[in-house]
Amino acid sequence: MGEQPNLNPTIQNPNEPTLRPSSTGAQSPLRVVFFGTGQLARPSLVALAASRFIELAAVVTQPDRPKGRDLKLQPSPVKTEALRLAANILQPERARDPSFLQTLAELKTALIAVAAYGQILPPSILSLPTFGCLNVHASLLPKYRGAAPIQWAILNDESETGVTIMKMDAGLDTGDILAQEKTPISPSDDAQSVHDRLARMGATLLLRTIPDYVGGNIIARKQPADGATYARKISKEDGKLDWSAPARALWNRIRALTPWPGAFTLWSREGSDRLLKIWQAEVVVESGGAPGTVRRADRAGLIVACGEHALRIFSLQLEGGRRLTAQEFLSGHSLAPGEQFGIYARSAQTEHQDQE
């Protein structure tokens, strides 16, 4: 496992921080503002709100955004949780808005905790709290700085990943490291399962880190220059499967892009292109056939040739339909060996629509 901060032995719950005693000798809760938007941040908010040693002064999240086919305004996962907690919710359009900065200053927070907020915080916020700003990042920094660390770790065939608690600075995920914890990426993992695991790990590690950090018992370490990588934002186009690639690379792409945007290919039938979203597959060590050629489509499985080896597809979804097992799909659709996937008669940008 990764670096673990020393915990105060008098604490019964190791996930809760020990804070400085007040003038009366009682422990004084640490006044914290939480910044978060995405689902990754939700467990951290829940953990902070549940801690008797934390006073949650406010929750800052991005404004409600239009989503779905009807484009109705929807709250972020963090706002949904904050409403359940009856927390003080702030939703500035931009974190650097002067009116928001004034409101934040009036909260007199000792610490800001950040997870999957979605905006870079300006220096005026980073310098505001007594103890600065701590960020929960879903990678083992300095690897995979940026917006999509989980997806790129799987795409790059990493055997492990983890979470980092860092002291934020003005750079993009370049702050000093306070704590890290590792977890293996197993063959059964996809981006969703790794995301959920790291969200829980990050929440636990955040609360384990806060007491020693506030107490001055953690020596922050600079991120090494060697090994620093950037994990750019994922787009729908990244889901397009290039069957000339090795089967393992395609298998990683399917796992990395599940559930969003999903890995996809085209199935051209009778002059029309049908989009196929591939949900689950495995590498088969066999060769033969041009890349993208269906090698088998029977009770033994649906196997497609790749640039190296082949993929056995377990679960897929035809454009406009529901997710099916390979056997369910073959029972309802005529697909024969020798047919080919991935012949693009129209751009993937046009054809790839959300299948919700």
Protein backbone atom coordinates (compact mmCIF):
# COMPACT_ATOMS: atom_id res chain seq x y z
CA MET A 1 0.00 0.00 0.00
CA GLY A 2 1.06 3.62 -0.31
CA GLU A 3 2.26 6.11 2.23
CA GLN A 4 0.04 6.27 5.31
CA PRO A 5 0.01 9.27 7.66
CA ASN A 6 0.53 8.65 11.38
CA LEU A 7 -2.74 8.76 13.28
CA ASN A 8 -3.21 10.14 16.77
CA PRO A 9 -3.53 7.06 19.01
CA THR A 10 -6.24 8.65 21.16
CA ILE A 11 -8.75 8.69 18.30
CA GLN A 12 -11.23 5.81 18.34
CA ASN A 13 -12.21 6.30 14.71
CA PRO A 14 -9.01 6.53 12.63
CA ASN A 15 -10.92 8.26 9.86
CA GLU A 16 -11.63 11.33 12.01
CA PRO A 17 -9.10 14.08 12.73
CA THR A 18 -7.88 15.18 16.12
CA LEU A 19 -7.96 18.95 16.29
CA ARG A 20 -6.43 21.55 18.50
CA PRO A 21 -7.99 21.98 21.96
CA SER A 22 -9.83 25.21 22.71
CA SER A 23 -9.09 27.43 25.70
CA THR A 24 -11.47 25.27 27.74
CA GLY A 25 -9.59 22.09 26.85
CA ALA A 26 -12.31 20.76 24.55
CA GLN A 27 -11.54 19.87 20.98
CA SER A 28 -12.48 22.62 18.55
CA PRO A 29 -13.97 21.47 15.24
CA LEU A 30 -12.06 22.48 12.13
CA ARG A 31 -14.10 24.82 9.95
CA VAL A 32 -14.00 23.40 6.40
CA VAL A 33 -15.47 24.43 3.04
CA PHE A 34 -15.80 21.62 0.52
CA PHE A 35 -15.47 22.15 -3.24
CA GLY A 36 -16.75 19.31 -5.43
CA THR A 37 -19.03 18.52 -8.34
CA GLY A 38 -18.62 15.01 -9.77
CA GLN A 39 -19.57 11.63 -8.34
CA LEU A 40 -15.96 11.04 -7.29
CA ALA A 41 -16.36 13.84 -4.73
CA ARG A 42 -19.53 12.55 -3.10
CA PRO A 43 -17.93 10.12 -0.59
CA SER A 44 -15.52 12.83 0.56
CA LEU A 45 -18.41 15.19 1.26
CA VAL A 46 -20.29 12.49 3.17
CA ALA A 47 -17.20 11.67 5.24
CA LEU A 48 -16.52 15.30 6.13
CA ALA A 49 -20.14 15.94 7.07
CA ALA A 50 -20.25 12.84 9.28
CA SER A 51 -17.09 13.70 11.20
CA ARG A 52 -17.71 15.22 14.63
CA PHE A 53 -14.34 16.95 14.35
CA ILE A 54 -15.27 18.86 11.19
CA GLU A 55 -17.59 21.85 10.96
CA LEU A 56 -18.82 21.94 7.37
CA ALA A 57 -19.19 25.66 6.71
CA ALA A 58 -20.35 25.36 3.10
CA VAL A 59 -20.39 23.17 0.01
CA VAL A 60 -19.31 24.77 -3.26
CA THR A 61 -20.38 23.03 -6.47
CA GLN A 62 -20.90 23.97 -10.09
CA PRO A 63 -24.25 25.42 -11.20
CA ASP A 64 -27.03 23.10 -12.33
CA ARG A 65 -26.51 22.14 -15.99
CA PRO A 66 -28.96 21.03 -18.71
CA LYS A 67 -28.81 17.26 -19.29
CA GLY A 68 -30.71 14.53 -21.06
CA ARG A 69 -32.79 14.69 -24.20
CA ASP A 70 -35.09 17.34 -22.75
CA LEU A 71 -32.14 19.44 -21.49
CA LYS A 72 -33.66 19.99 -18.07
CA LEU A 73 -31.42 21.57 -15.45
CA GLN A 74 -29.92 18.89 -13.24
CA PRO A 75 -27.96 19.31 -9.99
CA SER A 76 -24.48 17.88 -9.66
CA PRO A 77 -24.02 14.68 -7.60
CA VAL A 78 -22.41 16.81 -4.88
CA LYS A 79 -25.33 19.25 -4.78
CA THR A 80 -27.76 16.33 -4.51
CA GLU A 81 -25.82 15.04 -1.49
CA ALA A 82 -25.47 18.50 0.02
CA LEU A 83 -29.24 18.99 -0.17
CA ARG A 84 -29.71 15.71 1.67
CA LEU A 85 -27.28 16.94 4.32
CA ALA A 86 -29.02 20.34 4.53
CA ALA A 87 -25.65 21.98 3.95
CA ASN A 88 -25.01 25.59 2.99
CA ILE A 89 -24.67 25.38 -0.83
CA LEU A 90 -22.85 27.89 -3.04
CA GLN A 91 -22.89 27.62 -6.85
CA PRO A 92 -20.79 30.33 -8.48
CA GLU A 93 -20.54 30.29 -12.27
CA ARG A 94 -16.83 30.96 -11.86
CA ALA A 95 -14.76 30.43 -8.73
CA ARG A 96 -12.99 33.75 -9.31
CA ASP A 97 -16.20 35.84 -9.31
CA PRO A 98 -15.65 38.79 -6.91
CA SER A 99 -19.01 38.34 -5.18
CA PHE A 100 -18.26 34.68 -4.51
CA LEU A 101 -14.77 35.48 -3.22
CA GLN A 102 -16.32 37.93 -0.76
CA THR A 103 -18.83 35.34 0.43
CA LEU A 104 -16.06 32.76 0.83
CA ALA A 105 -13.91 35.17 2.83
CA GLU A 106 -16.82 35.86 5.20
CA LEU A 107 -17.04 32.14 6.02
CA LYS A 108 -13.64 32.37 7.76
CA THR A 109 -12.74 28.81 6.87
CA ALA A 110 -9.64 27.12 8.25
CA LEU A 111 -9.31 24.61 5.41
CA ILE A 112 -10.72 24.03 1.94
CA ALA A 113 -11.05 20.42 0.73
CA VAL A 114 -11.44 19.83 -3.00
CA ALA A 115 -12.45 16.77 -5.05
CA ALA A 116 -13.54 16.71 -8.70
CA TYR A 117 -14.70 20.33 -8.63
CA GLY A 118 -14.11 21.03 -12.32
CA GLN A 119 -12.48 24.46 -12.15
CA ILE A 120 -8.95 25.61 -11.35
CA LEU A 121 -8.98 27.63 -8.13
CA PRO A 122 -7.33 31.06 -8.37
CA PRO A 123 -4.54 32.13 -5.98
CA SER A 124 -7.04 34.36 -4.17
CA ILE A 125 -8.82 31.21 -2.97
CA LEU A 126 -5.73 29.06 -2.44
CA SER A 127 -4.31 31.61 0.01
CA LEU A 128 -7.57 32.29 1.83
CA PRO A 129 -7.87 29.46 4.41
CA THR A 130 -5.50 29.21 7.36
CA PHE A 131 -4.31 25.77 6.28
CA GLY A 132 -4.70 26.23 2.55
CA CYS A 133 -6.49 23.86 0.16
CA LEU A 134 -6.21 20.07 -0.01
CA ASN A 135 -7.17 18.13 -3.13
CA VAL A 136 -8.22 14.51 -3.58
CA HIS A 137 -6.76 13.39 -6.94
CA ALA A 138 -7.50 10.01 -8.51
CA SER A 139 -3.97 9.01 -9.49
CA LEU A 140 -0.53 8.44 -8.03
CA LEU A 141 0.91 11.85 -8.79
CA PRO A 142 2.92 12.98 -10.66
CA LYS A 143 1.40 10.43 -13.07
CA TYR A 144 -1.85 11.42 -14.76
CA ARG A 145 -2.33 15.03 -13.83
CA GLY A 146 -5.49 16.42 -15.39
CA ALA A 147 -9.12 15.60 -16.07
CA ALA A 148 -9.18 11.85 -16.82
CA PRO A 149 -6.57 10.00 -14.72
CA ILE A 150 -8.64 6.83 -14.29
CA GLN A 151 -9.34 6.35 -17.98
CA TRP A 152 -5.75 6.97 -19.04
CA ALA A 153 -4.33 4.62 -16.42
CA ILE A 154 -6.43 1.79 -17.89
CA LEU A 155 -5.78 2.85 -21.50
CA ASN A 156 -2.05 2.72 -20.81
CA ASP A 157 -2.28 -0.80 -19.34
CA GLU A 158 -1.19 0.24 -15.84
CA SER A 159 -1.23 -2.54 -13.26
CA GLU A 160 -2.03 -0.16 -10.40
CA THR A 161 -3.33 3.29 -9.66
CA GLY A 162 -4.34 5.13 -6.49
CA VAL A 163 -5.28 8.39 -4.81
CA THR A 164 -3.18 11.36 -3.77
CA ILE A 165 -3.94 14.03 -1.18
CA MET A 166 -1.99 17.13 -2.17
CA LYS A 167 -1.61 20.71 -1.00
CA MET A 168 -2.91 22.73 -3.92
CA ASP A 169 -0.86 25.35 -5.71
CA ALA A 170 -1.48 27.47 -8.80
CA GLY A 171 -0.50 24.67 -11.22
CA LEU A 172 -2.59 21.83 -12.60
CA ASP A 173 -2.26 19.03 -10.03
CA THR A 174 1.34 20.07 -9.26
CA GLY A 175 1.04 20.65 -5.52
CA ASP A 176 3.07 19.00 -2.76
CA ILE A 177 2.08 15.44 -1.86
CA LEU A 178 0.77 14.82 1.66
CA ALA A 179 -0.40 11.19 1.35
CA GLN A 180 -0.95 8.45 -1.22
CA GLU A 181 -2.57 5.03 -1.33
CA LYS A 182 -2.35 2.42 -4.07
CA THR A 183 -4.78 -0.11 -5.49
CA PRO A 184 -4.31 -2.74 -8.22
CA ILE A 185 -6.18 -2.53 -11.51
CA SER A 186 -7.56 -6.03 -12.03
CA PRO A 187 -8.64 -7.60 -15.34
CA SER A 188 -12.26 -7.38 -14.19
CA ASP A 189 -12.01 -3.61 -13.57
CA ASP A 190 -13.37 -0.91 -15.82
CA ALA A 191 -13.37 2.86 -15.38
CA GLN A 192 -16.56 2.74 -13.31
CA SER A 193 -15.32 0.17 -10.80
CA VAL A 194 -11.95 1.91 -10.41
CA HIS A 195 -13.72 5.27 -10.05
CA ASP A 196 -15.96 3.98 -7.28
CA ARG A 197 -13.06 2.36 -5.42
CA LEU A 198 -10.88 5.48 -5.64
CA ALA A 199 -13.77 7.67 -4.52
CA ARG A 200 -14.07 5.63 -1.31
CA MET A 201 -10.30 5.48 -0.81
CA GLY A 202 -9.97 9.22 -1.35
CA ALA A 203 -12.59 10.03 1.26
CA THR A 204 -10.93 7.79 3.84
CA LEU A 205 -7.44 9.07 3.08
CA LEU A 206 -8.58 12.71 3.23
CA LEU A 207 -9.89 12.31 6.77
CA ARG A 208 -6.81 10.36 7.80
CA THR A 209 -4.56 13.10 6.45
CA ILE A 210 -6.26 16.18 7.88
CA PRO A 211 -5.27 15.76 11.58
CA ASP A 212 -1.54 15.29 11.05
CA TYR A 213 -1.47 17.98 8.37
CA VAL A 214 -3.21 20.52 10.62
CA GLY A 215 -1.01 19.43 13.53
CA GLY A 216 2.18 19.93 11.52
CA ASN A 217 3.10 16.24 11.64
CA ILE A 218 3.24 15.61 7.89
CA ILE A 219 6.26 16.61 5.84
CA ALA A 220 4.93 17.49 2.40
CA ARG A 221 7.08 16.33 -0.48
CA LYS A 222 7.53 17.96 -3.84
CA GLN A 223 6.32 16.05 -6.87
CA PRO A 224 9.27 14.66 -8.80
CA ALA A 225 9.75 16.00 -12.31
CA ASP A 226 10.46 12.51 -13.62
CA GLY A 227 7.38 10.48 -14.45
CA ALA A 228 4.98 13.42 -14.70
CA THR A 229 2.24 12.79 -17.29
CA TYR A 230 -0.93 14.55 -18.36
CA ALA A 231 -4.34 12.87 -18.63
CA ARG A 232 -6.33 14.96 -21.09
CA LYS A 233 -10.11 15.04 -21.10
CA ILE A 234 -11.78 12.10 -22.81
CA SER A 235 -13.98 12.77 -25.88
CA LYS A 236 -16.55 10.63 -27.67
CA GLU A 237 -14.10 10.16 -30.54
CA ASP A 238 -11.76 8.28 -28.17
CA GLY A 239 -14.29 5.45 -28.10
CA LYS A 240 -13.77 4.47 -31.74
CA LEU A 241 -12.17 1.02 -31.99
CA ASP A 242 -9.31 0.65 -34.46
CA TRP A 243 -9.28 -3.07 -35.17
CA SER A 244 -5.72 -2.90 -36.54
CA ALA A 245 -4.52 -2.34 -32.96
CA PRO A 246 -3.54 -5.31 -30.75
CA ALA A 247 -6.44 -7.03 -29.00
CA ARG A 248 -5.06 -6.08 -25.58
CA ALA A 249 -5.07 -2.38 -26.49
CA LEU A 250 -8.69 -2.64 -27.63
CA TRP A 251 -9.63 -4.57 -24.49
CA ASN A 252 -8.09 -1.78 -22.41
CA ARG A 253 -9.97 0.83 -24.43
CA ILE A 254 -13.28 -0.91 -23.83
CA ARG A 255 -12.63 -1.07 -20.08
CA ALA A 256 -11.27 2.49 -19.87
CA LEU A 257 -14.25 4.03 -21.63
CA THR A 258 -17.01 2.13 -19.82
CA PRO A 259 -19.52 3.54 -19.04
CA TRP A 260 -18.72 6.81 -20.89
CA PRO A 261 -18.29 7.47 -23.74
CA GLY A 262 -18.22 3.77 -24.50
CA ALA A 263 -16.13 1.87 -27.04
CA PHE A 264 -17.83 1.54 -30.41
CA THR A 265 -17.50 0.29 -33.95
CA LEU A 266 -19.62 0.26 -37.12
CA TRP A 267 -21.50 -2.68 -38.55
CA SER A 268 -22.40 -1.98 -42.16
CA ARG A 269 -25.45 -3.90 -43.40
CA GLU A 270 -27.31 -3.47 -46.72
CA GLY A 271 -25.88 -0.03 -47.34
CA SER A 272 -26.56 1.36 -43.87
CA ASP A 273 -24.17 1.87 -40.98
CA ARG A 274 -25.22 0.60 -37.57
CA LEU A 275 -23.33 1.68 -34.49
CA LEU A 276 -22.28 -1.09 -32.10
CA LYS A 277 -21.24 -0.21 -28.59
CA ILE A 278 -18.98 -2.85 -27.02
CA TRP A 279 -19.45 -3.18 -23.27
CA GLN A 280 -17.37 -6.19 -22.31
CA ALA A 281 -14.79 -8.41 -24.00
CA GLU A 282 -11.65 -10.46 -23.45
CA VAL A 283 -8.45 -11.15 -25.36
CA VAL A 284 -8.29 -14.44 -27.29
CA VAL A 285 -4.86 -15.66 -28.31
CA GLU A 286 -5.61 -16.67 -31.88
CA SER A 287 -4.87 -15.23 -35.30
CA GLY A 288 -6.37 -15.14 -38.76
CA GLY A 289 -8.45 -12.76 -40.83
CA ALA A 290 -8.13 -9.08 -41.56
CA PRO A 291 -8.54 -6.74 -38.57
CA GLY A 292 -12.22 -6.25 -37.79
CA THR A 293 -13.28 -9.52 -39.43
CA VAL A 294 -15.78 -11.65 -37.54
CA ARG A 295 -14.03 -14.99 -37.00
CA ARG A 296 -16.84 -16.74 -35.10
CA ALA A 297 -20.48 -15.90 -34.45
CA ASP A 298 -22.08 -18.95 -32.88
CA ARG A 299 -22.77 -20.58 -29.52
CA ALA A 300 -19.04 -20.63 -28.84
CA GLY A 301 -19.00 -16.85 -28.91
CA LEU A 302 -18.52 -13.72 -31.00
CA ILE A 303 -14.84 -13.39 -31.90
CA VAL A 304 -13.34 -10.53 -33.96
CA ALA A 305 -9.84 -10.44 -35.46
CA CYS A 306 -7.48 -7.66 -34.38
CA GLY A 307 -4.04 -6.47 -35.46
CA GLU A 308 -2.66 -8.98 -32.97
CA HIS A 309 -4.77 -11.82 -31.57
CA ALA A 310 -8.55 -11.38 -31.32
CA LEU A 311 -11.37 -10.17 -29.06
CA ARG A 312 -14.21 -12.28 -27.75
CA ILE A 313 -17.17 -9.95 -27.20
CA PHE A 314 -19.42 -10.75 -24.25
CA SER A 315 -21.76 -7.75 -24.16
CA LEU A 316 -22.76 -5.22 -26.83
CA GLN A 317 -25.48 -2.76 -27.75
CA LEU A 318 -26.84 -1.95 -31.19
CA GLU A 319 -27.63 1.69 -31.91
CA GLY A 320 -31.16 2.39 -30.67
CA GLY A 321 -31.37 -0.90 -28.78
CA ARG A 322 -30.59 -2.23 -25.34
CA ARG A 323 -27.48 -3.87 -23.97
CA LEU A 324 -27.36 -7.59 -24.81
CA THR A 325 -25.12 -10.55 -24.19
CA ALA A 326 -23.38 -11.86 -27.30
CA GLN A 327 -25.72 -14.86 -27.37
CA GLU A 328 -28.82 -12.64 -27.10
CA PHE A 329 -27.49 -10.46 -29.89
CA LEU A 330 -26.76 -13.39 -32.20
CA SER A 331 -30.19 -14.87 -31.53
CA GLY A 332 -31.85 -11.72 -32.86
CA HIS A 333 -29.44 -10.60 -35.59
CA SER A 334 -27.90 -12.35 -38.56
CA LEU A 335 -24.12 -12.03 -38.22
CA ALA A 336 -21.85 -14.45 -40.05
CA PRO A 337 -18.11 -15.17 -40.03
CA GLY A 338 -16.33 -13.08 -42.64
CA GLU A 339 -18.37 -9.92 -42.03
CA GLN A 340 -16.31 -6.94 -41.01
CA PHE A 341 -16.66 -4.31 -38.33
CA GLY A 342 -15.21 -0.82 -38.51
CA ILE A 343 -15.75 0.20 -42.12
CA TYR A 344 -16.67 3.83 -41.60
CA ALA A 345 -19.01 5.33 -44.17
CA ARG A 346 -19.72 8.32 -41.91
CA SER A 347 -17.70 10.08 -39.24
CA ALA A 348 -17.70 8.67 -35.73
CA GLN A 349 -18.36 12.16 -34.44
CA THR A 350 -21.70 12.17 -36.29
CA GLU A 351 -22.71 8.60 -35.66
CA HIS A 352 -21.82 8.19 -31.99
CA GLN A 353 -24.83 9.25 -29.99
CA ASP A 354 -25.38 8.70 -26.28
CA GLN A 355 -27.15 5.42 -25.59
CA GLU A 356 -28.87 6.08 -22.31
